[in-house]
Amino acid sequence: MNDVLTKQLARMNLYALISRIMMKEVDKEFLKTFEKDEMMLSFFPNYQQWEKPKELSREKLMEQFLHVDFTNLFVLHLIPYESFYRRDDQMLETGGANPVVQLYNEYDFRVDLEKARSVSPDHIGIELEFMYMLASSEYKALENEDYDAACQIAKIERDFLRDHLLEWAPMFLQNIKAEAATPFYFDAASLTLEFILSDYEYLNDLITDEGCRYTS
């Protein structure tokens, strides 16, 4: 079970990382932590080879490169919202009728749009944060040896990936990779894409027609 908890903790940490990056601009505290964490850096191979972080202070790096790139990618040029990709009219569904809002409410997940710098609850950063919340709940259930609850939460995670994130996020993330002006956001998009695809495979293997591996 230690291996299962270690795997679950890694999933939680990755969802925390990518949801934070996709939600809003990085700040000095984030960069400081990021640059000192070898495990985190290992997911950003192009960033590690980028000369700018070695040449500039964190403030200058953010001001001249990272914040500019975030604004271009998430505000000006690309649309980080599920409804834009999935509605025929490409309009954002900002109200309570948005399908993800019903899910959020069902599982007591509250969205602060102002804090998230978002106009709609189906922003990629918020959807990834929802996955982080679910993964955290699954971890607590496993810690408490409540395997039935862990199985139920894992199924919710798998279904949310299948029915929501994987229906549109791969296209958005590929667009980020094509448009990114910094290695940081190129690597972040690559990591997010690879992780949500592999995590879906992991959850699909965990939750099968025959049952759940936690309880079998």
N, C-alpha and C. Protein backbone atom coordinates (compact mmCIF):
# COMPACT_ATOMS: atom_id res chain seq x y z
N MET A 1 0.83 -1.22 0.00
CA MET A 1 0.00 0.00 0.00
C MET A 1 0.86 1.26 0.00
N ASN A 2 2.09 1.15 0.53
CA ASN A 2 2.98 2.31 0.49
C ASN A 2 3.23 2.78 -0.93
N ASP A 3 3.37 1.83 -1.85
CA ASP A 3 3.58 2.18 -3.26
C ASP A 3 2.37 2.91 -3.82
N VAL A 4 1.18 2.47 -3.42
CA VAL A 4 -0.05 3.11 -3.88
C VAL A 4 -0.13 4.54 -3.36
N LEU A 5 0.20 4.74 -2.09
CA LEU A 5 0.17 6.09 -1.51
C LEU A 5 1.22 6.99 -2.16
N THR A 6 2.39 6.43 -2.46
CA THR A 6 3.44 7.21 -3.12
C THR A 6 2.98 7.64 -4.51
N LYS A 7 2.36 6.72 -5.24
CA LYS A 7 1.83 7.04 -6.56
C LYS A 7 0.76 8.12 -6.46
N GLN A 8 -0.11 7.98 -5.47
CA GLN A 8 -1.20 8.94 -5.32
C GLN A 8 -0.66 10.33 -4.95
N LEU A 9 0.35 10.37 -4.10
CA LEU A 9 0.95 11.64 -3.72
C LEU A 9 1.60 12.32 -4.93
N ALA A 10 2.24 11.53 -5.78
CA ALA A 10 2.84 12.08 -7.00
C ALA A 10 1.77 12.65 -7.92
N ARG A 11 0.64 11.97 -8.03
CA ARG A 11 -0.47 12.46 -8.85
C ARG A 11 -0.98 13.79 -8.30
N MET A 12 -1.18 13.84 -6.99
CA MET A 12 -1.64 15.09 -6.35
C MET A 12 -0.70 16.24 -6.65
N ASN A 13 0.58 15.99 -6.46
CA ASN A 13 1.58 17.06 -6.64
C ASN A 13 1.62 17.55 -8.08
N LEU A 14 1.48 16.64 -9.03
CA LEU A 14 1.50 17.05 -10.44
C LEU A 14 0.26 17.86 -10.79
N TYR A 15 -0.89 17.44 -10.29
CA TYR A 15 -2.10 18.24 -10.55
C TYR A 15 -2.00 19.61 -9.89
N ALA A 16 -1.41 19.67 -8.71
CA ALA A 16 -1.22 20.97 -8.04
C ALA A 16 -0.31 21.86 -8.87
N LEU A 17 0.77 21.29 -9.40
CA LEU A 17 1.73 22.05 -10.19
C LEU A 17 1.11 22.58 -11.48
N ILE A 18 0.51 21.71 -12.26
CA ILE A 18 0.03 22.15 -13.57
C ILE A 18 -1.20 23.05 -13.45
N SER A 19 -2.03 22.82 -12.43
CA SER A 19 -3.19 23.71 -12.27
C SER A 19 -2.73 25.11 -11.90
N ARG A 20 -1.71 25.21 -11.05
CA ARG A 20 -1.17 26.52 -10.67
C ARG A 20 -0.58 27.24 -11.87
N ILE A 21 0.17 26.53 -12.69
CA ILE A 21 0.81 27.16 -13.84
C ILE A 21 -0.22 27.64 -14.86
N MET A 22 -1.26 26.85 -15.06
CA MET A 22 -2.26 27.18 -16.07
C MET A 22 -3.26 28.24 -15.58
N MET A 23 -3.30 28.46 -14.27
CA MET A 23 -4.32 29.34 -13.70
C MET A 23 -3.96 30.82 -13.82
N LYS A 24 -2.73 31.16 -13.46
CA LYS A 24 -2.33 32.57 -13.48
C LYS A 24 -0.81 32.67 -13.58
N GLU A 25 -0.34 33.90 -13.76
CA GLU A 25 1.09 34.12 -13.93
C GLU A 25 1.87 33.60 -12.71
N VAL A 26 3.08 33.14 -12.96
CA VAL A 26 3.94 32.73 -11.85
C VAL A 26 4.38 33.97 -11.08
N ASP A 27 4.65 33.80 -9.80
CA ASP A 27 5.18 34.90 -9.00
C ASP A 27 6.58 34.53 -8.51
N LYS A 28 7.20 35.46 -7.80
CA LYS A 28 8.58 35.26 -7.37
C LYS A 28 8.70 34.05 -6.44
N GLU A 29 7.74 33.88 -5.57
CA GLU A 29 7.77 32.75 -4.62
C GLU A 29 7.68 31.43 -5.36
N PHE A 30 6.82 31.38 -6.37
CA PHE A 30 6.70 30.15 -7.16
C PHE A 30 8.03 29.83 -7.85
N LEU A 31 8.61 30.84 -8.50
CA LEU A 31 9.87 30.62 -9.21
C LEU A 31 10.98 30.18 -8.27
N LYS A 32 11.02 30.76 -7.09
CA LYS A 32 12.05 30.40 -6.11
C LYS A 32 11.93 28.93 -5.74
N THR A 33 10.71 28.50 -5.44
CA THR A 33 10.47 27.10 -5.09
C THR A 33 10.76 26.19 -6.27
N PHE A 34 10.30 26.59 -7.44
CA PHE A 34 10.45 25.81 -8.67
C PHE A 34 11.93 25.55 -8.98
N GLU A 35 12.74 26.59 -8.90
CA GLU A 35 14.14 26.48 -9.29
C GLU A 35 14.96 25.66 -8.30
N LYS A 36 14.46 25.48 -7.08
CA LYS A 36 15.18 24.70 -6.08
C LYS A 36 14.72 23.24 -6.01
N ASP A 37 13.67 22.92 -6.74
CA ASP A 37 13.08 21.58 -6.68
C ASP A 37 13.55 20.77 -7.90
N GLU A 38 14.48 19.87 -7.69
CA GLU A 38 15.06 19.10 -8.79
C GLU A 38 14.01 18.22 -9.46
N MET A 39 13.10 17.67 -8.69
CA MET A 39 12.06 16.83 -9.27
C MET A 39 11.17 17.65 -10.20
N MET A 40 10.77 18.84 -9.74
CA MET A 40 9.94 19.71 -10.56
C MET A 40 10.68 20.12 -11.83
N LEU A 41 11.93 20.50 -11.67
CA LEU A 41 12.72 20.93 -12.82
C LEU A 41 12.90 19.82 -13.85
N SER A 42 12.91 18.58 -13.38
CA SER A 42 13.12 17.47 -14.31
C SER A 42 12.02 17.37 -15.36
N PHE A 43 10.86 17.94 -15.06
CA PHE A 43 9.75 17.94 -16.03
C PHE A 43 9.87 19.08 -17.03
N PHE A 44 10.89 19.93 -16.88
CA PHE A 44 11.03 21.11 -17.72
C PHE A 44 12.42 21.13 -18.38
N PRO A 45 12.69 20.17 -19.26
CA PRO A 45 14.04 20.04 -19.84
C PRO A 45 14.47 21.24 -20.67
N ASN A 46 13.56 21.85 -21.41
CA ASN A 46 13.93 23.00 -22.23
C ASN A 46 14.18 24.23 -21.37
N TYR A 47 13.41 24.36 -20.30
CA TYR A 47 13.62 25.48 -19.38
C TYR A 47 15.01 25.38 -18.74
N GLN A 48 15.43 24.17 -18.42
CA GLN A 48 16.73 23.98 -17.78
C GLN A 48 17.88 24.44 -18.69
N GLN A 49 17.66 24.35 -19.99
CA GLN A 49 18.71 24.75 -20.94
C GLN A 49 18.59 26.22 -21.36
N TRP A 50 17.56 26.87 -20.93
CA TRP A 50 17.31 28.27 -21.31
C TRP A 50 18.28 29.18 -20.54
N GLU A 51 18.89 30.09 -21.24
CA GLU A 51 19.91 30.94 -20.63
C GLU A 51 19.31 32.10 -19.82
N LYS A 52 18.11 32.52 -20.15
CA LYS A 52 17.56 33.72 -19.52
C LYS A 52 17.47 33.64 -17.99
N PRO A 53 17.05 32.50 -17.39
CA PRO A 53 17.00 32.44 -15.93
C PRO A 53 18.37 32.63 -15.27
N LYS A 54 19.43 32.28 -16.01
CA LYS A 54 20.78 32.45 -15.46
C LYS A 54 21.26 33.89 -15.61
N GLU A 55 20.73 34.59 -16.60
CA GLU A 55 21.19 35.95 -16.90
C GLU A 55 20.40 37.03 -16.15
N LEU A 56 19.14 36.74 -15.84
CA LEU A 56 18.24 37.77 -15.31
C LEU A 56 17.79 37.45 -13.88
N SER A 57 17.44 38.47 -13.14
CA SER A 57 16.80 38.27 -11.85
C SER A 57 15.41 37.68 -12.08
N ARG A 58 14.84 37.12 -11.03
CA ARG A 58 13.49 36.56 -11.17
C ARG A 58 12.49 37.63 -11.59
N GLU A 59 12.63 38.83 -11.04
CA GLU A 59 11.72 39.92 -11.39
C GLU A 59 11.80 40.24 -12.88
N LYS A 60 13.02 40.35 -13.40
CA LYS A 60 13.20 40.66 -14.81
C LYS A 60 12.72 39.52 -15.70
N LEU A 61 12.98 38.30 -15.27
CA LEU A 61 12.54 37.13 -16.04
C LEU A 61 11.02 37.12 -16.18
N MET A 62 10.34 37.40 -15.08
CA MET A 62 8.88 37.43 -15.12
C MET A 62 8.38 38.59 -15.96
N GLU A 63 8.93 39.77 -15.70
CA GLU A 63 8.44 40.98 -16.36
C GLU A 63 8.67 40.94 -17.87
N GLN A 64 9.85 40.49 -18.30
CA GLN A 64 10.21 40.57 -19.71
C GLN A 64 9.79 39.34 -20.52
N PHE A 65 9.61 38.19 -19.85
CA PHE A 65 9.36 36.97 -20.61
C PHE A 65 8.14 36.18 -20.13
N LEU A 66 8.14 35.74 -18.88
CA LEU A 66 7.11 34.80 -18.45
C LEU A 66 5.72 35.41 -18.40
N HIS A 67 5.59 36.60 -17.84
CA HIS A 67 4.27 37.23 -17.77
C HIS A 67 3.76 37.63 -19.15
N VAL A 68 4.66 38.05 -20.00
CA VAL A 68 4.27 38.41 -21.38
C VAL A 68 3.76 37.17 -22.11
N ASP A 69 4.48 36.06 -21.94
CA ASP A 69 4.08 34.82 -22.61
C ASP A 69 2.75 34.32 -22.08
N PHE A 70 2.56 34.36 -20.76
CA PHE A 70 1.29 33.93 -20.18
C PHE A 70 0.13 34.74 -20.75
N THR A 71 0.29 36.06 -20.79
CA THR A 71 -0.78 36.93 -21.29
C THR A 71 -1.10 36.62 -22.74
N ASN A 72 -0.06 36.44 -23.55
CA ASN A 72 -0.28 36.11 -24.96
C ASN A 72 -1.01 34.79 -25.12
N LEU A 73 -0.62 33.79 -24.32
CA LEU A 73 -1.18 32.45 -24.49
C LEU A 73 -2.57 32.30 -23.89
N PHE A 74 -2.78 32.85 -22.71
CA PHE A 74 -4.01 32.56 -21.96
C PHE A 74 -5.05 33.68 -22.03
N VAL A 75 -4.64 34.86 -22.48
CA VAL A 75 -5.57 35.99 -22.48
C VAL A 75 -5.80 36.53 -23.89
N LEU A 76 -4.74 36.74 -24.64
CA LEU A 76 -4.86 37.43 -25.92
C LEU A 76 -5.08 36.52 -27.12
N HIS A 77 -4.30 35.45 -27.24
CA HIS A 77 -4.28 34.69 -28.49
C HIS A 77 -5.02 33.36 -28.45
N LEU A 78 -5.00 32.68 -27.29
CA LEU A 78 -5.66 31.39 -27.18
C LEU A 78 -6.80 31.47 -26.17
N ILE A 79 -7.73 30.53 -26.26
CA ILE A 79 -8.90 30.53 -25.38
C ILE A 79 -8.85 29.29 -24.50
N PRO A 80 -8.58 29.46 -23.19
CA PRO A 80 -8.36 28.29 -22.32
C PRO A 80 -9.64 27.74 -21.68
N TYR A 81 -10.74 27.71 -22.44
CA TYR A 81 -12.02 27.32 -21.88
C TYR A 81 -12.64 26.16 -22.66
N GLU A 82 -13.17 25.19 -21.92
CA GLU A 82 -13.77 24.01 -22.55
C GLU A 82 -14.91 24.37 -23.48
N SER A 83 -15.80 25.26 -23.03
CA SER A 83 -16.99 25.56 -23.84
C SER A 83 -16.63 26.15 -25.20
N PHE A 84 -15.53 26.90 -25.28
CA PHE A 84 -15.10 27.46 -26.56
C PHE A 84 -14.79 26.34 -27.55
N TYR A 85 -14.17 25.30 -27.08
CA TYR A 85 -13.78 24.20 -27.96
C TYR A 85 -14.93 23.25 -28.26
N ARG A 86 -15.93 23.18 -27.39
CA ARG A 86 -16.94 22.14 -27.53
C ARG A 86 -18.29 22.65 -28.01
N ARG A 87 -18.55 23.95 -27.90
CA ARG A 87 -19.81 24.48 -28.41
C ARG A 87 -19.69 24.79 -29.90
N ASP A 88 -20.74 24.53 -30.64
CA ASP A 88 -20.71 24.79 -32.08
C ASP A 88 -20.51 26.27 -32.38
N ASP A 89 -21.04 27.15 -31.51
CA ASP A 89 -20.92 28.59 -31.75
C ASP A 89 -19.65 29.19 -31.13
N GLN A 90 -18.85 28.34 -30.48
CA GLN A 90 -17.59 28.77 -29.84
C GLN A 90 -17.79 29.91 -28.84
N MET A 91 -18.95 29.93 -28.20
CA MET A 91 -19.22 30.91 -27.16
C MET A 91 -18.86 30.32 -25.80
N LEU A 92 -18.42 31.18 -24.89
CA LEU A 92 -18.13 30.72 -23.54
C LEU A 92 -19.42 30.56 -22.75
N GLU A 93 -19.53 29.48 -22.01
CA GLU A 93 -20.69 29.25 -21.14
C GLU A 93 -20.28 29.66 -19.73
N THR A 94 -20.60 30.90 -19.38
CA THR A 94 -20.10 31.46 -18.12
C THR A 94 -21.07 31.27 -16.95
N GLY A 95 -22.28 30.83 -17.22
CA GLY A 95 -23.29 30.76 -16.17
C GLY A 95 -23.38 29.40 -15.50
N GLY A 96 -24.38 29.26 -14.67
CA GLY A 96 -24.58 28.03 -13.92
C GLY A 96 -24.97 26.85 -14.79
N ALA A 97 -25.34 27.10 -16.03
CA ALA A 97 -25.72 26.01 -16.93
C ALA A 97 -24.50 25.26 -17.46
N ASN A 98 -23.32 25.81 -17.24
CA ASN A 98 -22.12 25.12 -17.68
C ASN A 98 -22.06 23.74 -17.01
N PRO A 99 -21.88 22.67 -17.80
CA PRO A 99 -21.92 21.31 -17.23
C PRO A 99 -20.92 21.08 -16.10
N VAL A 100 -19.76 21.74 -16.16
CA VAL A 100 -18.77 21.48 -15.10
C VAL A 100 -19.22 22.09 -13.78
N VAL A 101 -20.02 23.16 -13.82
CA VAL A 101 -20.50 23.78 -12.59
C VAL A 101 -21.34 22.79 -11.80
N GLN A 102 -22.18 22.05 -12.50
CA GLN A 102 -23.02 21.06 -11.84
C GLN A 102 -22.17 20.01 -11.14
N LEU A 103 -21.08 19.60 -11.80
CA LEU A 103 -20.17 18.64 -11.18
C LEU A 103 -19.47 19.24 -9.98
N TYR A 104 -18.97 20.46 -10.15
CA TYR A 104 -18.30 21.13 -9.03
C TYR A 104 -19.22 21.21 -7.82
N ASN A 105 -20.45 21.60 -8.06
CA ASN A 105 -21.41 21.73 -6.96
C ASN A 105 -21.69 20.38 -6.30
N GLU A 106 -21.80 19.36 -7.12
CA GLU A 106 -22.10 18.02 -6.60
C GLU A 106 -21.02 17.55 -5.63
N TYR A 107 -19.78 17.94 -5.91
CA TYR A 107 -18.66 17.49 -5.07
C TYR A 107 -18.10 18.61 -4.21
N ASP A 108 -18.90 19.65 -4.02
CA ASP A 108 -18.59 20.73 -3.09
C ASP A 108 -17.27 21.42 -3.43
N PHE A 109 -17.04 21.61 -4.72
CA PHE A 109 -15.86 22.32 -5.19
C PHE A 109 -16.27 23.74 -5.55
N ARG A 110 -15.72 24.72 -4.85
CA ARG A 110 -16.12 26.11 -5.06
C ARG A 110 -15.07 26.85 -5.87
N VAL A 111 -15.52 27.59 -6.86
CA VAL A 111 -14.62 28.30 -7.77
C VAL A 111 -14.65 29.79 -7.47
N ASP A 112 -13.49 30.36 -7.25
CA ASP A 112 -13.34 31.81 -7.10
C ASP A 112 -12.78 32.34 -8.42
N LEU A 113 -13.69 32.78 -9.30
CA LEU A 113 -13.26 33.18 -10.65
C LEU A 113 -12.31 34.37 -10.61
N GLU A 114 -12.56 35.29 -9.68
CA GLU A 114 -11.69 36.46 -9.59
C GLU A 114 -10.27 36.07 -9.20
N LYS A 115 -10.18 35.20 -8.21
CA LYS A 115 -8.86 34.73 -7.77
C LYS A 115 -8.17 33.95 -8.88
N ALA A 116 -8.94 33.20 -9.64
CA ALA A 116 -8.37 32.38 -10.71
C ALA A 116 -8.12 33.18 -11.99
N ARG A 117 -8.45 34.47 -11.99
CA ARG A 117 -8.28 35.29 -13.19
C ARG A 117 -9.02 34.67 -14.37
N SER A 118 -10.26 34.25 -14.12
CA SER A 118 -11.02 33.51 -15.13
C SER A 118 -12.41 34.11 -15.28
N VAL A 119 -12.98 33.98 -16.48
CA VAL A 119 -14.35 34.47 -16.70
C VAL A 119 -15.35 33.32 -16.73
N SER A 120 -14.86 32.09 -16.71
CA SER A 120 -15.75 30.94 -16.79
C SER A 120 -15.17 29.78 -15.98
N PRO A 121 -16.01 28.96 -15.36
CA PRO A 121 -15.52 27.88 -14.51
C PRO A 121 -14.90 26.71 -15.27
N ASP A 122 -14.99 26.72 -16.61
CA ASP A 122 -14.39 25.61 -17.37
C ASP A 122 -13.01 25.98 -17.91
N HIS A 123 -12.34 26.91 -17.25
CA HIS A 123 -10.94 27.25 -17.55
C HIS A 123 -10.07 26.02 -17.28
N ILE A 124 -9.05 25.81 -18.09
CA ILE A 124 -8.22 24.61 -17.92
C ILE A 124 -7.59 24.55 -16.55
N GLY A 125 -7.16 25.68 -16.00
CA GLY A 125 -6.55 25.68 -14.68
C GLY A 125 -7.51 25.25 -13.60
N ILE A 126 -8.78 25.65 -13.72
CA ILE A 126 -9.79 25.28 -12.73
C ILE A 126 -10.14 23.81 -12.86
N GLU A 127 -10.26 23.32 -14.07
CA GLU A 127 -10.57 21.90 -14.26
C GLU A 127 -9.43 21.03 -13.71
N LEU A 128 -8.19 21.47 -13.89
CA LEU A 128 -7.06 20.74 -13.32
C LEU A 128 -7.05 20.84 -11.80
N GLU A 129 -7.46 21.97 -11.27
CA GLU A 129 -7.55 22.11 -9.81
C GLU A 129 -8.63 21.19 -9.25
N PHE A 130 -9.72 21.01 -9.98
CA PHE A 130 -10.76 20.07 -9.58
C PHE A 130 -10.19 18.66 -9.51
N MET A 131 -9.37 18.30 -10.49
CA MET A 131 -8.71 16.99 -10.46
C MET A 131 -7.78 16.88 -9.25
N TYR A 132 -7.10 17.97 -8.91
CA TYR A 132 -6.24 17.97 -7.72
C TYR A 132 -7.08 17.73 -6.45
N MET A 133 -8.22 18.39 -6.36
CA MET A 133 -9.08 18.21 -5.20
C MET A 133 -9.55 16.76 -5.09
N LEU A 134 -9.93 16.17 -6.22
CA LEU A 134 -10.36 14.77 -6.20
C LEU A 134 -9.21 13.84 -5.82
N ALA A 135 -8.02 14.08 -6.39
CA ALA A 135 -6.87 13.24 -6.07
C ALA A 135 -6.50 13.35 -4.59
N SER A 136 -6.66 14.54 -4.02
CA SER A 136 -6.40 14.73 -2.60
C SER A 136 -7.39 13.92 -1.75
N SER A 137 -8.65 13.94 -2.15
CA SER A 137 -9.67 13.18 -1.43
C SER A 137 -9.41 11.67 -1.54
N GLU A 138 -8.95 11.26 -2.72
CA GLU A 138 -8.63 9.84 -2.91
C GLU A 138 -7.45 9.44 -2.01
N TYR A 139 -6.46 10.31 -1.91
CA TYR A 139 -5.30 10.04 -1.05
C TYR A 139 -5.74 9.87 0.41
N LYS A 140 -6.61 10.76 0.88
CA LYS A 140 -7.08 10.67 2.26
C LYS A 140 -7.86 9.38 2.49
N ALA A 141 -8.66 8.98 1.50
CA ALA A 141 -9.41 7.73 1.63
C ALA A 141 -8.47 6.54 1.71
N LEU A 142 -7.42 6.55 0.90
CA LEU A 142 -6.44 5.46 0.94
C LEU A 142 -5.70 5.43 2.27
N GLU A 143 -5.33 6.62 2.76
CA GLU A 143 -4.67 6.70 4.07
C GLU A 143 -5.53 6.08 5.16
N ASN A 144 -6.83 6.30 5.06
CA ASN A 144 -7.78 5.79 6.06
C ASN A 144 -8.25 4.37 5.76
N GLU A 145 -7.66 3.78 4.71
CA GLU A 145 -7.99 2.42 4.29
C GLU A 145 -9.47 2.27 3.93
N ASP A 146 -10.04 3.37 3.44
CA ASP A 146 -11.42 3.34 2.95
C ASP A 146 -11.37 3.13 1.44
N TYR A 147 -11.19 1.87 1.05
CA TYR A 147 -10.93 1.56 -0.35
C TYR A 147 -12.16 1.71 -1.23
N ASP A 148 -13.33 1.50 -0.66
CA ASP A 148 -14.55 1.72 -1.44
C ASP A 148 -14.67 3.19 -1.84
N ALA A 149 -14.42 4.09 -0.89
CA ALA A 149 -14.47 5.53 -1.20
C ALA A 149 -13.40 5.90 -2.20
N ALA A 150 -12.19 5.35 -2.04
CA ALA A 150 -11.09 5.64 -2.98
C ALA A 150 -11.47 5.20 -4.39
N CYS A 151 -12.12 4.06 -4.51
CA CYS A 151 -12.57 3.57 -5.82
C CYS A 151 -13.61 4.50 -6.42
N GLN A 152 -14.55 4.96 -5.60
CA GLN A 152 -15.59 5.85 -6.11
C GLN A 152 -14.98 7.16 -6.61
N ILE A 153 -14.02 7.70 -5.86
CA ILE A 153 -13.38 8.96 -6.26
C ILE A 153 -12.56 8.76 -7.53
N ALA A 154 -11.85 7.65 -7.61
CA ALA A 154 -11.06 7.37 -8.82
C ALA A 154 -11.95 7.29 -10.05
N LYS A 155 -13.14 6.73 -9.89
CA LYS A 155 -14.07 6.66 -11.02
C LYS A 155 -14.52 8.06 -11.44
N ILE A 156 -14.77 8.93 -10.47
CA ILE A 156 -15.15 10.32 -10.79
C ILE A 156 -14.02 10.99 -11.56
N GLU A 157 -12.78 10.77 -11.12
CA GLU A 157 -11.63 11.35 -11.80
C GLU A 157 -11.54 10.85 -13.24
N ARG A 158 -11.66 9.53 -13.41
CA ARG A 158 -11.56 8.97 -14.76
C ARG A 158 -12.65 9.53 -15.67
N ASP A 159 -13.87 9.60 -15.14
CA ASP A 159 -14.98 10.08 -15.96
C ASP A 159 -14.82 11.56 -16.30
N PHE A 160 -14.28 12.35 -15.36
CA PHE A 160 -14.09 13.77 -15.63
C PHE A 160 -13.02 13.97 -16.70
N LEU A 161 -11.95 13.21 -16.62
CA LEU A 161 -10.94 13.28 -17.67
C LEU A 161 -11.54 12.91 -19.02
N ARG A 162 -12.26 11.79 -19.05
CA ARG A 162 -12.83 11.29 -20.31
C ARG A 162 -13.87 12.23 -20.88
N ASP A 163 -14.77 12.73 -20.03
CA ASP A 163 -15.92 13.50 -20.52
C ASP A 163 -15.64 14.99 -20.67
N HIS A 164 -14.56 15.45 -20.06
CA HIS A 164 -14.28 16.89 -20.10
C HIS A 164 -12.86 17.19 -20.59
N LEU A 165 -11.87 17.05 -19.73
CA LEU A 165 -10.52 17.51 -20.09
C LEU A 165 -10.00 16.90 -21.39
N LEU A 166 -10.15 15.60 -21.55
CA LEU A 166 -9.58 14.96 -22.73
C LEU A 166 -10.36 15.25 -24.01
N GLU A 167 -11.53 15.85 -23.86
CA GLU A 167 -12.33 16.22 -25.03
C GLU A 167 -11.82 17.50 -25.70
N TRP A 168 -11.01 18.28 -24.98
CA TRP A 168 -10.60 19.57 -25.56
C TRP A 168 -9.19 20.00 -25.18
N ALA A 169 -8.73 19.65 -23.98
CA ALA A 169 -7.44 20.15 -23.51
C ALA A 169 -6.26 19.74 -24.41
N PRO A 170 -6.23 18.52 -24.98
CA PRO A 170 -5.09 18.21 -25.85
C PRO A 170 -4.92 19.19 -27.00
N MET A 171 -6.02 19.63 -27.60
CA MET A 171 -5.94 20.60 -28.69
C MET A 171 -5.41 21.94 -28.17
N PHE A 172 -5.93 22.38 -27.03
CA PHE A 172 -5.47 23.64 -26.46
C PHE A 172 -3.99 23.57 -26.10
N LEU A 173 -3.56 22.46 -25.52
CA LEU A 173 -2.16 22.32 -25.11
C LEU A 173 -1.23 22.23 -26.31
N GLN A 174 -1.68 21.61 -27.37
CA GLN A 174 -0.88 21.60 -28.60
C GLN A 174 -0.75 23.02 -29.16
N ASN A 175 -1.81 23.79 -29.03
CA ASN A 175 -1.75 25.18 -29.47
C ASN A 175 -0.76 25.99 -28.63
N ILE A 176 -0.72 25.72 -27.33
CA ILE A 176 0.27 26.38 -26.49
C ILE A 176 1.68 26.03 -26.96
N LYS A 177 1.92 24.76 -27.21
CA LYS A 177 3.26 24.35 -27.65
C LYS A 177 3.65 25.03 -28.96
N ALA A 178 2.67 25.23 -29.82
CA ALA A 178 2.96 25.88 -31.11
C ALA A 178 3.19 27.38 -30.96
N GLU A 179 2.55 27.99 -29.95
CA GLU A 179 2.58 29.45 -29.82
C GLU A 179 3.52 29.96 -28.72
N ALA A 180 3.97 29.08 -27.83
CA ALA A 180 4.77 29.51 -26.67
C ALA A 180 6.04 30.22 -27.11
N ALA A 181 6.31 31.34 -26.45
CA ALA A 181 7.52 32.11 -26.73
C ALA A 181 8.63 31.81 -25.72
N THR A 182 8.30 31.03 -24.69
CA THR A 182 9.31 30.68 -23.69
C THR A 182 9.34 29.16 -23.50
N PRO A 183 10.51 28.61 -23.17
CA PRO A 183 10.60 27.18 -22.88
C PRO A 183 9.74 26.77 -21.69
N PHE A 184 9.51 27.70 -20.75
CA PHE A 184 8.72 27.37 -19.57
C PHE A 184 7.32 26.92 -19.96
N TYR A 185 6.63 27.69 -20.77
CA TYR A 185 5.25 27.34 -21.11
C TYR A 185 5.18 26.22 -22.16
N PHE A 186 6.21 26.08 -22.98
CA PHE A 186 6.28 24.93 -23.88
C PHE A 186 6.37 23.65 -23.05
N ASP A 187 7.28 23.64 -22.08
CA ASP A 187 7.45 22.46 -21.23
C ASP A 187 6.21 22.21 -20.38
N ALA A 188 5.60 23.27 -19.88
CA ALA A 188 4.39 23.12 -19.06
C ALA A 188 3.26 22.47 -19.86
N ALA A 189 3.11 22.89 -21.10
CA ALA A 189 2.07 22.30 -21.95
C ALA A 189 2.39 20.84 -22.26
N SER A 190 3.66 20.54 -22.53
CA SER A 190 4.07 19.16 -22.80
C SER A 190 3.80 18.27 -21.59
N LEU A 191 4.19 18.76 -20.41
CA LEU A 191 3.98 18.00 -19.18
C LEU A 191 2.50 17.75 -18.95
N THR A 192 1.69 18.79 -19.08
CA THR A 192 0.25 18.65 -18.82
C THR A 192 -0.39 17.66 -19.78
N LEU A 193 -0.03 17.76 -21.05
CA LEU A 193 -0.60 16.86 -22.05
C LEU A 193 -0.22 15.41 -21.76
N GLU A 194 1.07 15.17 -21.54
CA GLU A 194 1.53 13.81 -21.29
C GLU A 194 0.92 13.25 -20.01
N PHE A 195 0.81 14.10 -19.00
CA PHE A 195 0.31 13.62 -17.71
C PHE A 195 -1.16 13.27 -17.76
N ILE A 196 -2.00 14.12 -18.33
CA ILE A 196 -3.44 13.81 -18.32
C ILE A 196 -3.74 12.58 -19.18
N LEU A 197 -2.96 12.37 -20.24
CA LEU A 197 -3.16 11.17 -21.07
C LEU A 197 -2.73 9.92 -20.30
N SER A 198 -1.58 9.98 -19.64
CA SER A 198 -1.10 8.82 -18.89
C SER A 198 -1.95 8.57 -17.65
N ASP A 199 -2.45 9.66 -17.04
CA ASP A 199 -3.28 9.49 -15.85
C ASP A 199 -4.61 8.84 -16.21
N TYR A 200 -5.13 9.17 -17.37
CA TYR A 200 -6.37 8.52 -17.81
C TYR A 200 -6.13 7.02 -18.00
N GLU A 201 -5.00 6.66 -18.59
CA GLU A 201 -4.68 5.24 -18.76
C GLU A 201 -4.57 4.55 -17.41
N TYR A 202 -3.91 5.23 -16.46
CA TYR A 202 -3.75 4.67 -15.12
C TYR A 202 -5.12 4.45 -14.47
N LEU A 203 -6.00 5.45 -14.54
CA LEU A 203 -7.32 5.33 -13.91
C LEU A 203 -8.18 4.31 -14.63
N ASN A 204 -8.03 4.21 -15.94
CA ASN A 204 -8.80 3.23 -16.71
C ASN A 204 -8.39 1.82 -16.34
N ASP A 205 -7.11 1.65 -16.02
CA ASP A 205 -6.61 0.35 -15.59
C ASP A 205 -7.05 0.05 -14.16
N LEU A 206 -7.17 1.10 -13.35
CA LEU A 206 -7.57 0.95 -11.94
C LEU A 206 -9.05 0.60 -11.82
N ILE A 207 -9.88 1.26 -12.64
CA ILE A 207 -11.33 1.07 -12.61
C ILE A 207 -11.75 0.33 -13.87
N THR A 208 -12.11 -0.92 -13.74
CA THR A 208 -12.48 -1.74 -14.90
C THR A 208 -13.91 -2.23 -14.75
N ASP A 209 -14.40 -2.91 -15.78
CA ASP A 209 -15.75 -3.48 -15.73
C ASP A 209 -15.86 -4.54 -14.63
N GLU A 210 -14.72 -5.16 -14.32
CA GLU A 210 -14.72 -6.21 -13.30
C GLU A 210 -14.67 -5.64 -11.87
N GLY A 211 -14.33 -4.37 -11.75
CA GLY A 211 -14.26 -3.77 -10.43
C GLY A 211 -13.10 -2.81 -10.30
N CYS A 212 -12.62 -2.63 -9.07
CA CYS A 212 -11.57 -1.67 -8.77
C CYS A 212 -10.40 -2.39 -8.13
N ARG A 213 -9.18 -2.09 -8.57
CA ARG A 213 -8.01 -2.81 -8.06
C ARG A 213 -7.76 -2.56 -6.58
N TYR A 214 -8.28 -1.46 -6.04
CA TYR A 214 -8.11 -1.21 -4.61
C TYR A 214 -8.83 -2.24 -3.77
N THR A 215 -9.95 -2.74 -4.28
CA THR A 215 -10.78 -3.65 -3.48
C THR A 215 -10.71 -5.09 -3.97
N SER A 216 -9.99 -5.33 -5.05
CA SER A 216 -9.93 -6.70 -5.58
C SER A 216 -8.75 -7.46 -5.01
